[in-house]
N, C-alpha and C. Protein backbone atom coordinates (compact mmCIF):
# COMPACT_ATOMS: atom_id res chain seq x y z
N UNK A 1 -9.15 15.06 2.85
CA UNK A 1 -8.70 14.99 1.78
C UNK A 1 -7.88 14.43 0.83
N UNK A 2 -6.68 14.98 1.61
CA UNK A 2 -5.21 14.36 1.31
C UNK A 2 -5.30 13.02 1.75
N UNK A 3 -5.96 12.20 2.35
CA UNK A 3 -5.72 11.03 2.72
C UNK A 3 -6.55 9.85 2.04
N UNK A 4 -7.45 10.39 1.00
CA UNK A 4 -8.21 9.64 -0.03
C UNK A 4 -7.50 10.20 -1.10
N UNK A 5 -6.63 10.78 -1.66
CA UNK A 5 -5.80 11.03 -2.39
C UNK A 5 -4.61 10.13 -2.69
N UNK A 6 -3.99 10.32 -1.39
CA UNK A 6 -2.86 9.06 -1.17
C UNK A 6 -3.27 8.00 -1.14
N UNK A 7 -4.59 7.60 -0.71
CA UNK A 7 -4.76 5.78 -1.10
C UNK A 7 -5.34 5.78 -2.14
N UNK A 8 -5.81 6.92 -3.17
CA UNK A 8 -6.04 6.72 -4.16
C UNK A 8 -4.77 6.02 -5.22
N UNK A 9 -3.65 6.90 -5.26
CA UNK A 9 -2.60 6.83 -5.69
C UNK A 9 -2.10 5.63 -5.36
N UNK A 10 -2.09 4.96 -4.09
CA UNK A 10 -1.18 3.82 -3.50
C UNK A 10 -2.31 3.02 -4.13
N UNK A 11 -3.63 2.53 -4.30
CA UNK A 11 -4.55 1.67 -4.64
C UNK A 11 -4.34 1.67 -6.52
N UNK A 12 -4.46 2.69 -7.08
CA UNK A 12 -3.84 2.43 -8.53
C UNK A 12 -2.55 1.89 -9.01
N UNK A 13 -1.69 2.21 -8.14
CA UNK A 13 -0.64 1.74 -8.52
C UNK A 13 -0.74 0.02 -8.31
N UNK A 14 -1.38 -0.11 -7.07
CA UNK A 14 -0.97 -1.65 -6.62
C UNK A 14 -2.04 -2.41 -7.85
N UNK A 15 -3.09 -1.44 -7.86
CA UNK A 15 -4.32 -1.76 -9.16
C UNK A 15 -3.27 -2.42 -10.10
N UNK A 16 -2.63 -1.65 -11.14
CA UNK A 16 -1.69 -1.68 -12.37
C UNK A 16 -0.91 -2.38 -12.22
N UNK A 17 -0.18 -3.41 -11.01
CA UNK A 17 0.71 -4.14 -10.95
C UNK A 17 0.01 -5.53 -10.61
N UNK A 18 -0.99 -5.63 -9.76
CA UNK A 18 -1.99 -6.72 -10.07
C UNK A 18 -2.50 -6.96 -11.38
N UNK A 19 -2.92 -6.29 -12.06
CA UNK A 19 -3.59 -6.31 -13.31
C UNK A 19 -2.02 -6.95 -14.29
N UNK A 20 -1.04 -6.63 -14.17
CA UNK A 20 -0.10 -6.70 -14.99
C UNK A 20 0.69 -8.26 -14.52
N UNK A 21 0.58 -8.59 -12.96
CA UNK A 21 0.89 -9.97 -13.02
C UNK A 21 -0.62 -11.17 -13.58
N UNK A 22 -1.93 -10.35 -13.57
CA UNK A 22 -2.70 -11.51 -14.18
C UNK A 22 -2.44 -11.40 -15.76
N UNK A 23 -2.09 -9.77 -16.57
CA UNK A 23 -2.07 -10.03 -17.89
C UNK A 23 -1.05 -10.37 -18.89
N UNK A 24 0.02 -10.87 -18.00
CA UNK A 24 1.20 -10.89 -18.73
C UNK A 24 1.97 -11.61 -17.99
N UNK A 25 3.15 -12.09 -18.01
CA UNK A 25 4.24 -13.22 -17.46
C UNK A 25 4.56 -12.45 -16.68
N UNK A 26 4.31 -11.34 -15.99
CA UNK A 26 4.77 -10.58 -14.59
C UNK A 26 4.34 -11.44 -13.35
N UNK A 27 5.72 -11.91 -12.74
CA UNK A 27 5.19 -12.22 -11.51
C UNK A 27 5.47 -11.35 -10.46
N UNK A 28 4.15 -11.68 -9.32
CA UNK A 28 4.41 -10.79 -7.89
C UNK A 28 4.71 -11.38 -7.56
N UNK A 29 5.92 -11.48 -6.16
CA UNK A 29 6.69 -11.80 -5.04
C UNK A 29 5.11 -12.63 -4.44
N UNK A 30 5.30 -13.99 -4.06
CA UNK A 30 4.32 -14.61 -3.31
C UNK A 30 4.46 -14.76 -1.61
N UNK A 31 3.07 -14.33 -0.97
CA UNK A 31 3.09 -14.84 0.23
C UNK A 31 2.36 -15.96 0.47
N UNK A 32 2.99 -17.41 0.36
CA UNK A 32 2.66 -18.84 0.84
C UNK A 32 1.76 -18.60 -1.05
N UNK A 33 0.49 -18.96 -1.08
CA UNK A 33 0.14 -18.74 -3.06
C UNK A 33 0.04 -17.34 -3.29
N UNK A 34 -0.80 -16.97 -2.26
CA UNK A 34 -1.08 -15.40 -2.82
C UNK A 34 -0.19 -14.89 -3.12
N UNK A 35 -0.35 -13.82 -4.40
CA UNK A 35 0.32 -12.54 -4.73
C UNK A 35 0.36 -11.75 -3.87
N UNK A 36 1.90 -11.20 -3.36
CA UNK A 36 1.84 -9.89 -3.01
C UNK A 36 0.76 -8.56 -3.54
N UNK A 37 0.69 -8.34 -4.55
CA UNK A 37 0.66 -7.33 -5.16
C UNK A 37 -0.81 -7.36 -4.78
N UNK A 38 -1.70 -8.50 -4.86
CA UNK A 38 -3.14 -8.65 -4.41
C UNK A 38 -3.40 -8.18 -3.07
N UNK A 39 -2.29 -8.57 -2.00
CA UNK A 39 -2.74 -8.28 -0.66
C UNK A 39 -2.87 -6.65 -0.41
N UNK A 40 -1.41 -6.20 -1.29
CA UNK A 40 -1.21 -5.09 -1.16
C UNK A 40 -2.33 -3.53 -1.76
N UNK A 41 -3.23 -4.43 -2.96
CA UNK A 41 -4.40 -3.49 -3.41
C UNK A 41 -5.38 -3.91 -2.17
N UNK A 42 -5.40 -4.97 -1.50
CA UNK A 42 -6.97 -5.13 -0.77
C UNK A 42 -6.25 -4.40 0.50
N UNK A 43 -4.92 -3.83 1.34
CA UNK A 43 -4.50 -2.86 2.24
C UNK A 43 -5.09 -1.40 1.78
N UNK A 44 -4.21 -1.26 0.41
CA UNK A 44 -5.02 0.29 0.14
C UNK A 44 -6.63 0.36 -0.01
N UNK A 45 -7.11 -0.84 -0.51
CA UNK A 45 -8.64 -0.66 -0.40
C UNK A 45 -8.95 -0.40 0.80
N UNK A 46 -8.64 -0.96 1.87
CA UNK A 46 -9.25 -0.71 3.20
C UNK A 46 -8.66 0.63 3.31
N UNK A 47 -7.59 1.03 3.42
CA UNK A 47 -7.21 2.42 3.57
C UNK A 47 -8.19 3.52 2.99
N UNK A 48 -8.45 3.40 2.48
CA UNK A 48 -9.31 4.01 0.70
C UNK A 48 -10.64 4.10 1.36
N UNK A 49 -11.52 2.81 1.67
CA UNK A 49 -12.79 2.60 2.27
C UNK A 49 -12.59 3.73 3.61
N UNK A 50 -11.90 3.61 4.22
CA UNK A 50 -11.93 4.15 5.53
C UNK A 50 -11.74 5.41 5.62
N UNK A 51 -10.76 5.60 4.46
CA UNK A 51 -10.77 7.57 4.21
C UNK A 51 -11.84 8.12 3.73
N UNK A 52 -12.71 7.70 3.12
CA UNK A 52 -13.94 7.87 2.49
C UNK A 52 -14.89 8.08 3.21
N UNK A 53 -15.20 7.56 4.84
CA UNK A 53 -16.27 7.72 5.79
C UNK A 53 -16.06 8.74 6.48
N UNK A 54 -16.60 9.63 6.55
CA UNK A 54 -16.84 11.04 7.22
C UNK A 54 -16.31 10.72 8.48
N UNK A 55 -16.73 9.91 9.57
CA UNK A 55 -16.40 9.94 10.72
C UNK A 55 -15.24 9.45 10.97
N UNK A 56 -14.64 8.60 10.22
CA UNK A 56 -13.21 7.88 10.26
C UNK A 56 -13.55 6.58 10.94
N UNK A 57 -14.91 5.87 11.06
CA UNK A 57 -15.67 4.99 11.95
C UNK A 57 -15.64 3.76 10.23
N UNK A 58 -15.30 2.48 10.55
CA UNK A 58 -14.55 1.65 11.82
C UNK A 58 -13.29 2.23 11.41
N UNK A 59 -12.31 2.39 12.67
CA UNK A 59 -11.10 2.91 12.32
C UNK A 59 -9.77 1.69 12.08
N UNK A 60 -10.92 0.47 12.74
CA UNK A 60 -10.00 -0.72 12.66
C UNK A 60 -9.39 -1.33 10.94
N UNK A 61 -10.38 -0.68 9.85
CA UNK A 61 -10.33 -0.81 8.63
C UNK A 61 -9.42 -0.05 8.05
N UNK A 62 -9.01 1.57 8.80
CA UNK A 62 -7.55 1.89 8.07
C UNK A 62 -6.15 0.91 8.29
N UNK A 63 -6.64 0.70 10.09
CA UNK A 63 -5.13 0.02 10.29
C UNK A 63 -4.98 -1.44 9.86
N UNK A 64 -5.96 -1.89 9.56
CA UNK A 64 -5.51 -3.36 8.94
C UNK A 64 -5.20 -3.22 8.05
N UNK A 65 -5.35 -2.35 6.94
CA UNK A 65 -4.91 -2.11 5.46
C UNK A 65 -3.62 -1.03 5.35
N UNK A 66 -3.70 -0.81 6.85
CA UNK A 66 -1.91 0.22 6.63
C UNK A 66 -0.87 -0.70 7.43
N UNK A 67 -1.57 -1.58 8.06
CA UNK A 67 -0.05 -2.61 8.70
C UNK A 67 0.15 -3.20 7.42
N UNK A 68 -1.19 -3.91 6.57
CA UNK A 68 -0.39 -4.82 5.46
C UNK A 68 0.23 -3.80 4.09
N UNK A 69 -0.03 -2.87 4.40
CA UNK A 69 0.80 -2.20 3.00
C UNK A 69 2.42 -1.42 3.52
N UNK A 70 2.30 -1.17 4.71
CA UNK A 70 3.32 -1.04 5.61
C UNK A 70 4.37 -2.07 5.29
N UNK A 71 3.62 -3.48 6.04
CA UNK A 71 4.37 -4.22 6.09
C UNK A 71 5.14 -5.04 5.03
N UNK A 72 4.48 -5.03 3.69
CA UNK A 72 4.79 -5.01 2.49
C UNK A 72 5.71 -4.60 2.13
N UNK A 73 5.84 -3.18 2.51
CA UNK A 73 6.66 -2.32 1.73
C UNK A 73 7.67 -2.04 2.84
N UNK A 74 7.84 -2.30 3.61
CA UNK A 74 8.63 -2.57 4.44
C UNK A 74 9.74 -3.39 4.53
N UNK A 75 9.30 -4.90 4.52
CA UNK A 75 9.46 -6.15 4.10
C UNK A 75 10.75 -5.78 2.84
N UNK A 76 9.58 -5.47 1.88
CA UNK A 76 10.47 -5.50 0.47
C UNK A 76 11.32 -4.29 0.18
N UNK A 77 11.60 -3.47 0.79
CA UNK A 77 12.52 -2.28 0.50
C UNK A 77 13.56 -3.07 1.89
N UNK A 78 13.74 -3.68 2.77
CA UNK A 78 14.58 -4.14 3.03
C UNK A 78 15.16 -5.62 2.33
N UNK A 79 14.38 -5.84 2.17
CA UNK A 79 14.96 -7.08 1.07
C UNK A 79 16.08 -6.63 -0.04
N UNK A 80 15.65 -5.15 -0.31
CA UNK A 80 16.20 -4.27 -1.66
C UNK A 80 17.36 -4.43 -1.18
N UNK A 81 17.41 -3.27 -0.14
CA UNK A 81 18.78 -2.95 0.57
C UNK A 81 19.54 -3.96 0.59
N UNK A 82 19.19 -4.99 1.03
CA UNK A 82 19.82 -5.90 1.32
C UNK A 82 20.52 -6.96 0.15
N UNK A 83 20.28 -6.69 -1.25
CA UNK A 83 20.37 -6.81 -2.47
C UNK A 83 19.58 -8.11 -3.14
N UNK A 84 17.81 -8.41 -2.57
CA UNK A 84 17.43 -9.50 -2.93
C UNK A 84 16.40 -8.63 -3.55
N UNK A 85 16.47 -8.63 -5.13
CA UNK A 85 15.16 -8.50 -5.95
C UNK A 85 13.81 -8.79 -5.64
N UNK A 86 13.59 -8.42 -4.89
CA UNK A 86 11.93 -8.94 -4.15
C UNK A 86 11.04 -8.05 -4.72
N UNK A 87 10.93 -7.02 -5.16
CA UNK A 87 9.65 -5.94 -5.28
C UNK A 87 9.90 -5.48 -6.83
N UNK A 88 8.76 -5.55 -7.26
CA UNK A 88 8.73 -5.33 -9.12
C UNK A 88 8.64 -3.89 -9.05
N UNK A 89 9.86 -3.40 -10.36
CA UNK A 89 10.07 -2.21 -10.74
C UNK A 89 9.39 -1.23 -10.82
N UNK A 90 9.57 -0.19 -11.07
CA UNK A 90 8.34 0.95 -11.17
C UNK A 90 8.97 2.09 -12.16
N UNK A 91 8.40 3.23 -12.04
CA UNK A 91 9.13 4.17 -12.91
C UNK A 91 10.52 4.71 -12.62
N UNK A 92 11.41 5.00 -13.30
CA UNK A 92 12.45 4.84 -13.24
C UNK A 92 13.63 3.74 -13.06
N UNK A 93 12.90 2.69 -12.99
CA UNK A 93 13.19 1.13 -12.39
C UNK A 93 13.51 1.10 -10.68
N UNK A 94 12.92 2.09 -10.26
CA UNK A 94 12.80 2.08 -8.63
C UNK A 94 11.82 1.13 -8.39
N UNK A 95 12.14 0.06 -7.53
CA UNK A 95 11.40 -0.60 -6.83
C UNK A 95 10.22 -0.38 -6.22
N UNK A 96 8.85 -0.37 -6.64
CA UNK A 96 7.78 -0.06 -6.61
C UNK A 96 7.44 -0.09 -4.91
N UNK A 97 8.41 -1.14 -3.92
CA UNK A 97 8.08 -1.10 -2.45
C UNK A 97 8.70 -0.04 -2.01
N UNK A 98 9.55 0.78 -2.83
CA UNK A 98 10.15 2.23 -2.15
C UNK A 98 9.17 3.23 -2.29
N UNK A 99 8.20 3.02 -3.23
CA UNK A 99 7.33 3.97 -3.28
C UNK A 99 6.27 3.76 -2.44
N UNK A 100 5.77 2.31 -2.33
CA UNK A 100 4.72 1.78 -1.29
C UNK A 100 5.28 2.63 -0.04
N UNK A 101 6.27 2.37 0.84
CA UNK A 101 6.64 2.69 1.96
C UNK A 101 6.39 4.15 1.63
N UNK A 102 6.85 5.26 1.06
CA UNK A 102 6.47 6.69 1.21
C UNK A 102 4.94 6.82 1.48
N UNK A 103 4.61 6.12 0.89
CA UNK A 103 3.25 6.44 0.32
C UNK A 103 2.44 5.88 1.82
N UNK A 104 2.82 4.91 2.18
CA UNK A 104 1.83 4.22 3.83
C UNK A 104 2.18 4.94 4.64
N UNK A 105 3.64 6.04 4.55
CA UNK A 105 3.82 6.62 5.73
C UNK A 105 3.52 8.17 5.40
N UNK A 106 3.12 8.51 4.63
CA UNK A 106 2.18 9.38 3.81
C UNK A 106 0.79 9.38 4.81
N UNK A 107 0.09 8.45 4.15
CA UNK A 107 -1.03 7.52 4.91
C UNK A 107 -1.33 8.06 5.94
N UNK A 108 -0.45 7.38 6.72
CA UNK A 108 -0.51 7.39 7.94
C UNK A 108 -0.46 9.00 8.87
N UNK A 109 0.44 9.86 8.02
CA UNK A 109 0.34 11.06 8.55
C UNK A 109 -0.82 11.77 8.16
N UNK A 110 -1.43 11.60 7.00
CA UNK A 110 -2.50 12.52 6.86
C UNK A 110 -3.78 11.68 7.84
N UNK A 111 -3.62 10.32 8.18
CA UNK A 111 -4.47 9.85 9.19
C UNK A 111 -4.59 10.47 10.48
N UNK A 112 -3.03 10.59 10.95
CA UNK A 112 -2.94 11.39 12.27
C UNK A 112 -3.39 12.35 12.44
N UNK A 113 -3.45 13.42 11.06
CA UNK A 113 -3.73 14.69 11.05
C UNK A 113 -5.09 14.91 10.98
N UNK A 114 -5.59 14.09 10.60
CA UNK A 114 -7.40 14.33 10.33
C UNK A 114 -8.14 13.71 11.35
N UNK A 115 -7.30 12.96 12.42
CA UNK A 115 -8.40 12.87 13.53
C UNK A 115 -8.51 13.33 14.28
N UNK A 116 -10.05 13.19 15.25
CA UNK A 116 -10.14 13.90 15.93
C UNK A 116 -9.65 14.55 17.24
N UNK A 117 -9.11 15.02 17.96
CA UNK A 117 -8.47 15.46 18.71
C UNK A 117 -9.20 15.05 20.23
N UNK A 118 -8.82 14.34 21.16
CA UNK A 118 -9.34 14.45 22.39
C UNK A 118 -9.50 15.74 23.36
N UNK A 119 -10.66 16.64 23.74
CA UNK A 119 -10.47 17.21 24.62
C UNK A 119 -10.71 18.50 23.86
């Protein structure tokens, strides 16, 4: 349940930024020609879908989504720390990648706690 909640928060945040990219003059950073916010939205979507499945199968849905989200959040956070404005600003003028990095870490923790333990 907590994983579903965390993934939903990430999905809604990424959706909000993606809609802003489409509807306004706001620009998401791009990877080649794809806006990063769309890729992060897809990542949170995979995490959300994988968390709704009762048996956590297929596990690759979670891992692909998580690697995408965590990778962009870690890269964006690193660039922000190095004084490159690369992430869209969110609540309190804080870079959204900071929130996304924290949320990706929380999703991983909830996923690992939820997985059935062998033996």
